[in-house]
Protein backbone atom coordinates (compact mmCIF):
# COMPACT_ATOMS: atom_id res chain seq x y z
CA MET A 1 -0.36 -0.26 -0.28
CA SER A 2 1.16 3.44 -0.74
CA GLU A 3 1.59 6.76 1.36
CA PHE A 4 -1.05 8.47 -0.59
CA ASP A 5 -3.59 5.28 -0.27
CA GLU A 6 -2.65 4.84 3.11
CA TRP A 7 -3.11 8.81 4.19
CA TRP A 8 -6.25 9.10 1.96
CA LYS A 9 -7.29 5.88 4.29
CA ARG A 10 -6.42 8.16 7.60
CA THR A 11 -8.76 11.19 5.80
CA ARG A 12 -11.55 8.96 4.82
CA ARG A 13 -12.54 7.15 8.10
CA PHE A 14 -11.89 11.11 10.09
CA PHE A 15 -14.74 12.41 7.64
CA GLU A 16 -16.84 9.31 7.82
CA GLU A 17 -16.37 9.63 12.14
CA ILE A 18 -17.25 13.71 11.81
CA ASP A 19 -20.55 12.37 9.83
CA ARG A 20 -21.54 9.93 12.09
CA LEU A 21 -21.39 12.28 14.85
CA ILE A 22 -23.29 14.99 12.95
CA ASP A 23 -26.54 11.82 12.41
CA GLU A 24 -25.96 11.16 16.09
CA MET A 25 -26.49 15.08 16.92
CA ILE A 26 -29.70 15.24 14.57
CA ARG A 27 -31.10 11.88 16.05
CA GLU A 28 -31.09 13.14 19.76
CA SER A 29 -32.52 16.72 18.66
CA MET A 30 -34.84 15.22 16.62
CA SER A 31 -35.86 12.85 19.61
CA LEU A 32 -36.22 15.82 22.07
CA PRO A 33 -39.88 16.86 22.63
CA PRO A 34 -40.69 19.67 20.69
CA GLU A 35 -40.63 22.45 23.68
CA GLU A 36 -36.88 21.00 24.62
CA ARG A 37 -35.98 21.51 21.24
CA ARG A 38 -35.92 25.76 21.01
CA VAL A 39 -32.87 27.00 21.49
CA ARG A 40 -32.47 30.06 23.62
CA ARG A 41 -32.01 32.82 21.81
CA PHE A 42 -31.20 36.71 22.85
CA GLY A 43 -29.85 39.16 21.45
CA PRO A 44 -27.71 41.56 19.35
CA TYR A 45 -24.91 38.63 18.63
CA VAL A 46 -21.99 41.68 18.38
CA TYR A 47 -18.22 40.37 17.45
CA GLY A 48 -15.61 43.01 16.60
CA PHE A 49 -12.00 43.45 16.90
CA SER A 50 -9.70 46.40 16.69
CA MET A 51 -5.98 46.53 15.54
CA THR A 52 -3.19 48.57 17.23
CA ILE A 53 0.85 49.00 16.72
CA GLY A 54 2.37 49.79 20.55
CA PRO A 55 4.96 52.23 21.21
CA ASP A 56 7.31 49.49 21.13
CA GLY A 57 6.74 48.10 17.29
CA ILE A 58 4.50 45.20 18.84
CA PRO A 59 0.85 44.61 16.88
CA ARG A 60 -1.85 44.61 19.56
CA ILE A 61 -5.66 42.84 18.78
CA ARG A 62 -8.11 43.08 21.24
CA GLU A 63 -12.04 41.65 20.96
CA TRP A 64 -14.84 43.06 21.36
CA GLY A 65 -18.61 42.56 21.78
CA ASN A 66 -20.61 39.58 22.82
CA ILE A 67 -19.23 36.40 21.64
CA LYS A 68 -16.04 34.87 22.01
CA PRO A 69 -14.18 32.60 19.70
CA GLY A 70 -14.59 28.91 21.26
CA VAL A 71 -13.10 25.53 20.50
CA ILE A 72 -15.97 23.70 19.71
CA ARG A 73 -19.14 26.85 18.57
CA PRO A 74 -18.85 30.33 20.02
CA HIS A 75 -18.85 31.34 23.59
CA ILE A 76 -22.27 33.97 23.89
CA THR A 77 -23.02 35.84 26.52
CA GLU A 78 -26.25 37.57 27.27
CA GLU A 79 -23.81 41.31 28.58
CA LEU A 80 -22.37 42.90 25.10
CA GLU A 81 -18.51 43.80 26.06
CA PRO A 82 -18.05 47.38 24.94
CA PHE A 83 -15.10 48.38 22.67
CA THR A 84 -12.59 49.32 24.81
CA ASP A 85 -9.04 51.64 24.39
CA VAL A 86 -7.38 52.45 27.82
CA ILE A 87 -5.01 55.64 27.16
CA ASP A 88 -0.99 55.55 29.01
CA GLU A 89 -0.34 58.67 29.55
CA ARG A 90 2.74 59.37 31.74
CA ASP A 91 1.10 59.83 35.36
CA LYS A 92 -2.69 58.34 34.50
CA PHE A 93 -4.35 55.72 32.37
CA LYS A 94 -7.28 56.84 30.88
CA ILE A 95 -10.01 54.17 29.76
CA VAL A 96 -12.91 54.72 27.24
CA ILE A 97 -15.01 53.07 26.81
CA ASP A 98 -18.33 52.95 23.72
CA MET A 99 -21.65 52.28 25.51
CA PRO A 100 -24.28 54.07 24.23
CA GLY A 101 -28.20 53.62 25.16
CA VAL A 102 -27.61 53.88 28.80
CA GLU A 103 -27.90 56.68 31.08
CA LYS A 104 -24.92 57.80 33.33
CA GLU A 105 -27.84 56.88 36.20
CA ASP A 106 -27.24 52.46 34.72
CA ILE A 107 -23.31 52.47 34.81
CA ASN A 108 -21.25 50.95 38.06
CA VAL A 109 -17.65 50.99 38.23
CA GLU A 110 -15.62 49.75 40.40
CA ALA A 111 -12.21 50.27 40.61
CA THR A 112 -8.84 48.74 42.58
CA GLU A 113 -5.38 48.91 42.00
CA ASP A 114 -5.21 47.07 39.16
CA VAL A 115 -8.29 46.18 37.63
CA ILE A 116 -11.86 48.96 36.82
CA GLU A 117 -14.68 46.72 36.56
CA VAL A 118 -17.84 48.21 34.40
CA SER A 119 -21.29 47.19 34.23
CA ALA A 120 -24.48 48.42 32.77
CA ARG A 121 -28.16 48.17 32.45
CA ARG A 122 -30.96 49.63 30.77
CA GLY A 123 -34.00 47.70 29.29
CA ASP A 124 -32.11 44.98 26.56
CA ARG A 125 -29.12 46.38 26.46
CA LYS A 126 -26.84 45.14 29.04
CA TYR A 127 -22.91 46.26 29.16
CA TYR A 128 -20.16 44.67 31.03
CA LYS A 129 -16.53 45.32 30.79
CA ARG A 130 -13.25 44.04 32.93
CA VAL A 131 -9.69 46.18 32.50
CA VAL A 132 -6.90 44.56 33.84
CA LEU A 133 -4.76 47.74 33.19
CA PRO A 134 -0.45 46.81 33.13
CA GLU A 135 0.05 48.70 36.29
CA LYS A 136 -1.23 49.80 39.93
CA ILE A 137 -3.83 52.54 40.34
CA ARG A 138 -5.17 54.89 42.94
CA PRO A 139 -8.57 53.78 42.98
CA GLU A 140 -9.21 56.60 44.87
CA THR A 141 -8.50 59.01 42.06
CA ALA A 142 -10.55 57.85 39.61
CA LYS A 143 -13.29 60.13 38.01
CA ALA A 144 -15.83 58.87 36.00
CA GLN A 145 -17.65 60.80 32.65
CA TYR A 146 -19.97 60.19 30.36
CA LYS A 147 -20.87 61.98 27.47
CA ASN A 148 -22.94 61.27 24.24
CA GLY A 149 -21.99 57.17 24.68
CA VAL A 150 -18.74 57.54 25.80
CA LEU A 151 -17.69 56.15 29.01
CA THR A 152 -14.42 58.46 29.64
CA ILE A 153 -12.59 57.10 33.42
CA THR A 154 -9.42 58.76 34.26
CA VAL A 155 -7.49 57.53 37.18
CA GLU A 156 -3.66 58.11 38.59
CA LYS A 157 -0.88 55.38 38.49
CA LEU A 158 -0.18 54.50 41.87
CA GLU A 159 2.95 55.28 43.51
CA LYS A 160 3.04 53.36 46.35
CA LYS A 161 1.70 50.36 47.22
CA GLY A 162 -1.59 49.78 50.02
CA GLY A 163 -5.32 51.04 49.82
CA ARG A 164 -8.97 49.05 48.57
CA GLY A 165 -11.18 49.10 46.28
CA PHE A 166 -13.59 52.11 45.43
CA THR A 167 -16.80 53.05 43.45
CA VAL A 168 -16.54 55.45 41.34
CA LYS A 169 -19.84 57.94 40.91
CA VAL A 170 -20.19 58.97 37.15
CA GLU A 171 -20.66 62.55 36.27
């Protein structure tokens, strides 16, 4: 038997196994009662990414939305992960988050020394973002402003260790 014949035999077995698994999944889903066959749906489904090149010349790709790629199928969450940009200024960080369709009263911002968590909910719109910062910050200095669907958080970098988490008031 030639090398090609051996390869073809393995490849054919692989696809036959995939066909068998698909047939099995279809049979299982059709054997369920109609009320259990329904798929829970929510939306909209959003996926996006941004590509930037950092000051070190290394490209960075950041994903956002409520669909995260998975091994077998994508993981879809009810909350939308908003597009976020972290701007490293000399003595502070500026975090800019796109959150259209909510009011400032709907937004909750929590800050610790190295993480900023933002959540918002209004009607069908639900946002959640956990931003892990590259350097420690002073959470008590955090200020948040919401204008025209964009939340901007500024927070000073930490000069010394210590402190606890704080709730940040959105202006």
